[in-house]
Structures are given as structure tokens and as C-alpha cells.
Amino acid sequence: MVVSRASRAVIVLVAVVGLLVYLAIIDLGVSAGRIHHGVSVQGIDVGGLTETEAVRVLESNGRKRRETRLYFGREGLRRLSFTPKEIGWWPRAEVTAASAMEIGREGSPIQAVLDRARGWLGGVAIGWTGAPRAGKVDRVLDRWEGVARKHGLDINRGFLRYKIRRAVIFQPPQSLFRVPLVTDGP
């Protein structure tokens, strides 16, 4: 029996689609009632956990995170620091775990499959739900602006506010975050 090139292409395409559907079904079975593989919250792996287990892990890590000092600085300026607790940030473990559970389950079926594939191939990182209190961040920024002025520097307040929020909610702790200055540009 002779099979044309077009027929072979259709057979290969059907086989690939079938394999992808099979893998999606397997992934649904493996992840039933659990957060999908590869999902993490600020460097905390919650993939494979039930939502209740993730809440416990996130509560424990969130309490530590709330007390962890974050440092900002740059050349010509001494280190500036704060704890997330000082700016009114609370780890909302239940809501964050629910957000992690939605990865690969929300949106269109195509989006859900793409999210699951990202989890398996490189991971899906999400941030904590919630934000620092604006008034408390303003007080930290006011204090830091006074320090910067004494060193002859002008802080880019809007960008620094953004960086503070990202440092608390999205980024795992690191040794030093860079303070943006007005002269740095957009």
C-alpha cells in the first residue's frame, strides 16, 4: 500500500495532537485536587500540594518573610532597609494558595494547557496576594528621601515605590536592591 505525503503529514499531525491530548489528560489526573507542578510563590514551591497544604507552607514562610529585612542601596548612598511588617504587609496565605490553585485551571482551555506546559517546562512564578499599606510606604520613602538629599541624591520616588512592592510581593529575598535615582531616567 502506497501512502501519499499529504496522508503521512495528516497521520503525523493526528499522532502529535493525540499525544498532547493524552499528556493533558495524564496531567489532569496527576494534578487532581492539587496545585499544578512547577507553580511557586516567591521562590516557595507549592506545586503538587493541596490548597490546604499550600496554605500551611505559605503561612509559615509568610511569617518569616514578614520579618525579613530588605536592603536597598547604591553607590554614594548608605544602605536603607525595612521589613515588610514595617510597611504594613501581611502574607495572605489563603488567597495566595487559591491563586496558585487557579494556575492551569482558569481562562480558556488553550490558556489552561499553556499554563500547565509552562509549569512543567520552566515553572510559573506568582507573587503574594496583597500589597503594603501606601501610607506606611510613604513614610519609609520620606525618610529615605531625607537620607538621599544629605548625600546630594534625588530618589525616583515612583519607581522606588514600585521596586519596594515588587521586592515584598514578587521577588525572593536578595542581598541588595538598587535605589533608583531621578538621574537614572525612565
Protein backbone atom coordinates (compact mmCIF):
# COMPACT_ATOMS: atom_id res chain seq x y z
CA MET A 1 0.00 0.00 0.00
CA VAL A 2 1.34 3.40 -1.02
CA VAL A 3 0.69 6.36 1.31
CA SER A 4 0.97 9.86 -0.11
CA ARG A 5 2.96 12.63 1.56
CA ALA A 6 -0.22 14.50 2.42
CA SER A 7 -1.61 11.40 4.13
CA ARG A 8 1.61 10.92 6.10
CA ALA A 9 1.52 14.57 7.21
CA VAL A 10 -2.07 14.16 8.39
CA ILE A 11 -1.18 10.94 10.26
CA VAL A 12 1.78 12.64 11.99
CA LEU A 13 -0.35 15.68 12.88
CA VAL A 14 -3.10 13.47 14.33
CA ALA A 15 -0.49 11.49 16.29
CA VAL A 16 1.05 14.68 17.75
CA VAL A 17 -2.36 16.11 18.67
CA GLY A 18 -3.32 12.75 20.20
CA LEU A 19 -0.11 12.69 22.24
CA LEU A 20 -0.73 16.23 23.51
CA VAL A 21 -4.32 15.38 24.48
CA TYR A 22 -3.07 12.22 26.23
CA LEU A 23 -0.44 14.21 28.17
CA ALA A 24 -3.06 16.82 29.15
CA ILE A 25 -5.35 14.06 30.46
CA ILE A 26 -2.46 12.49 32.41
CA ASP A 27 -1.60 15.92 33.86
CA LEU A 28 -5.22 16.42 34.90
CA GLY A 29 -5.12 13.09 36.74
CA VAL A 30 -1.80 13.81 38.42
CA SER A 31 -2.91 17.31 39.48
CA ALA A 32 -6.47 16.47 40.51
CA GLY A 33 -7.13 18.44 43.69
CA ARG A 34 -3.55 19.70 43.77
CA ILE A 35 -1.69 22.78 42.61
CA HIS A 36 -0.08 22.06 39.25
CA HIS A 37 3.57 21.09 39.01
CA GLY A 38 6.01 23.99 38.72
CA VAL A 39 3.95 26.64 40.48
CA SER A 40 5.83 28.70 43.05
CA VAL A 41 5.11 31.73 45.21
CA GLN A 42 8.13 33.99 45.59
CA GLY A 43 10.52 31.05 45.33
CA ILE A 44 8.40 28.75 47.53
CA ASP A 45 7.49 25.62 45.55
CA VAL A 46 3.81 24.79 46.08
CA GLY A 47 3.41 22.53 43.03
CA GLY A 48 1.89 19.17 43.93
CA LEU A 49 0.42 20.40 47.22
CA THR A 50 -3.26 20.55 48.04
CA GLU A 51 -4.60 24.03 48.69
CA THR A 52 -4.71 23.31 52.44
CA GLU A 53 -1.09 22.10 52.45
CA ALA A 54 -0.05 25.17 50.47
CA VAL A 55 -1.76 27.46 52.98
CA ARG A 56 0.25 25.88 55.83
CA VAL A 57 3.54 26.21 53.90
CA LEU A 58 2.76 29.78 52.87
CA GLU A 59 1.69 30.82 56.38
CA SER A 60 4.97 29.57 57.81
CA ASN A 61 7.07 31.19 55.09
CA GLY A 62 4.95 34.35 55.13
CA ARG A 63 5.57 34.91 58.86
CA LYS A 64 9.33 34.60 58.22
CA ARG A 65 9.10 36.81 55.14
CA ARG A 66 7.25 39.49 57.08
CA GLU A 67 10.21 39.77 59.48
CA THR A 68 12.96 39.53 56.81
CA ARG A 69 14.84 42.79 56.39
CA LEU A 70 15.06 44.02 52.79
CA TYR A 71 18.01 46.20 51.83
CA PHE A 72 18.16 48.93 49.21
CA GLY A 73 21.21 50.93 48.30
CA ARG A 74 23.58 52.19 45.65
CA GLU A 75 26.97 53.82 45.31
CA GLY A 76 27.15 57.09 47.23
CA LEU A 77 24.22 56.19 49.48
CA ARG A 78 24.26 54.11 52.64
CA ARG A 79 22.08 51.03 52.80
CA LEU A 80 18.43 51.65 53.51
CA SER A 81 16.24 48.87 54.88
CA PHE A 82 12.83 47.89 56.16
CA THR A 83 10.86 44.76 56.96
CA PRO A 84 7.59 44.04 55.16
CA LYS A 85 5.94 44.23 58.60
CA GLU A 86 7.06 47.86 58.95
CA ILE A 87 5.19 48.84 55.77
CA GLY A 88 2.00 47.02 56.71
CA TRP A 89 2.34 43.93 54.51
CA TRP A 90 0.56 40.79 55.66
CA PRO A 91 1.02 37.40 53.99
CA ARG A 92 -2.42 36.41 52.75
CA ALA A 93 -1.70 32.70 52.59
CA GLU A 94 -5.28 31.52 51.90
CA VAL A 95 -5.86 33.89 48.99
CA THR A 96 -2.37 33.28 47.59
CA ALA A 97 -2.85 29.49 47.74
CA ALA A 98 -6.20 29.87 45.95
CA SER A 99 -4.45 31.91 43.23
CA ALA A 100 -1.82 29.18 42.87
CA MET A 101 -4.59 26.57 42.57
CA GLU A 102 -6.13 28.53 39.66
CA ILE A 103 -2.98 28.22 37.52
CA GLY A 104 -3.82 25.82 34.71
CA ARG A 105 -7.50 25.84 35.62
CA GLU A 106 -8.69 29.29 34.61
CA GLY A 107 -9.19 31.01 31.29
CA SER A 108 -9.75 29.24 28.03
CA PRO A 109 -8.83 25.55 27.63
CA ILE A 110 -5.89 26.59 25.47
CA GLN A 111 -4.66 29.00 28.16
CA ALA A 112 -5.02 26.29 30.81
CA VAL A 113 -2.95 23.86 28.73
CA LEU A 114 -0.31 26.53 28.09
CA ASP A 115 -0.10 27.32 31.83
CA ARG A 116 0.35 23.62 32.63
CA ALA A 117 3.04 23.28 29.97
CA ARG A 118 4.85 26.33 31.40
CA GLY A 119 4.71 24.69 34.82
CA TRP A 120 6.34 21.51 33.54
CA LEU A 121 8.88 23.23 31.30
CA GLY A 122 10.07 26.20 33.33
CA GLY A 123 7.71 26.92 36.17
CA VAL A 124 5.06 29.51 36.87
CA ALA A 125 6.01 32.07 39.49
CA ILE A 126 3.32 34.11 41.17
CA GLY A 127 3.52 36.75 43.85
CA TRP A 128 1.80 37.04 47.18
CA THR A 129 -1.73 38.41 47.14
CA GLY A 130 -1.99 41.75 48.89
CA ALA A 131 0.12 44.85 48.99
CA PRO A 132 1.95 47.01 51.51
CA ARG A 133 -0.03 49.89 53.02
CA ALA A 134 0.50 53.05 50.97
CA GLY A 135 0.76 55.40 53.94
CA LYS A 136 3.45 53.32 55.61
CA VAL A 137 5.40 53.06 52.34
CA ASP A 138 5.15 56.88 52.05
CA ARG A 139 6.72 57.27 55.49
CA VAL A 140 9.62 54.98 54.51
CA LEU A 141 10.07 56.91 51.25
CA ASP A 142 10.01 60.25 53.09
CA ARG A 143 12.73 59.03 55.46
CA TRP A 144 14.81 57.66 52.59
CA GLU A 145 14.46 60.86 50.56
CA GLY A 146 15.84 62.80 53.52
CA VAL A 147 18.85 60.46 53.70
CA ALA A 148 19.41 60.70 49.94
CA ARG A 149 19.28 64.52 49.99
CA LYS A 150 22.00 64.56 52.64
CA HIS A 151 24.15 62.64 50.12
CA GLY A 152 23.21 65.03 47.29
CA LEU A 153 20.97 62.47 45.56
CA ASP A 154 17.36 62.65 44.39
CA ILE A 155 15.37 59.40 44.61
CA ASN A 156 12.94 58.47 41.84
CA ARG A 157 10.06 58.06 44.30
CA GLY A 158 7.52 56.46 41.93
CA PHE A 159 9.95 53.86 40.64
CA LEU A 160 11.24 53.14 44.15
CA ARG A 161 7.66 52.62 45.36
CA TYR A 162 7.23 50.08 42.53
CA LYS A 163 10.51 48.35 43.44
CA ILE A 164 9.53 48.13 47.11
CA ARG A 165 6.22 46.49 46.19
CA ARG A 166 7.96 44.03 43.84
CA ALA A 167 10.58 43.22 46.48
CA VAL A 168 7.90 42.39 49.05
CA ILE A 169 5.36 40.59 46.86
CA PHE A 170 7.21 39.00 43.94
CA GLN A 171 10.95 38.67 44.44
CA PRO A 172 12.69 36.20 46.70
CA PRO A 173 14.93 37.95 49.24
CA GLN A 174 18.28 39.01 47.86
CA SER A 175 21.21 40.80 49.35
CA LEU A 176 20.57 44.27 47.93
CA PHE A 177 18.01 46.03 45.73
CA ARG A 178 19.16 49.11 43.80
CA VAL A 179 17.70 52.51 44.72
CA PRO A 180 16.60 54.32 41.55
CA LEU A 181 17.53 57.99 41.22
CA VAL A 182 15.84 60.69 39.16
CA THR A 183 19.00 60.94 37.01
CA ASP A 184 18.69 57.22 36.05
CA GLY A 185 15.94 58.02 33.54
CA PRO A 186 12.69 56.09 33.00
